[in-house]
Amino acid sequence: MKTIYYKNMRIDENSPIDEVRNLRQEQNKDAFAKYLAESTVEFNGKQYGVQEEDQNEIQAMIMQYQLLSQAGIETELQWHAKHEACQNMTIEEMIALVSAIKDFVLPHQHRMQEIKEEIYRAETASEVMDIEIFSART
């Protein structure tokens, strides 16, 4: 009998299908997040992080910049390459960086979501357990 251990959980072919699906989807999401954490995009000769935290922080930085600019408050737009301090950027540079990150992340995110659909479409615990979760190869 096939058994999967993940974190503090254990599932096998006799486990309730909803538990198997939820555990496999958690593995799928975690594998995607790990992949992004280990990945970068090159922009202006430097490496920039692409993980969800980086994306959220960039969005917050842009929103703050836009809000302050619209209010007539002079402000700087800054961001940082991996392992570097923040540097001033133009809005055009920030847009180009956001575009590069999006172009990198979206195809992988779509693949992770396709796997999620497979997980929840499978009809037996065994079928769910046989689905290959996200990896750079899938």
Foldseek 3Di string as FASTA:
>chain_A
DDWDDDDPDIDDQPDPLVVLLVVLLVVQVVQLQVVQQPAFFAAPNFTAGQHPVSLVVLVVLVVVCVVCVVVVHDDFRWDDGPPDDIDTDDPVSSVVRNVRSCVVSVVQVVVSVVLSVQSVVDDGSVSNVPRDHRDPVD
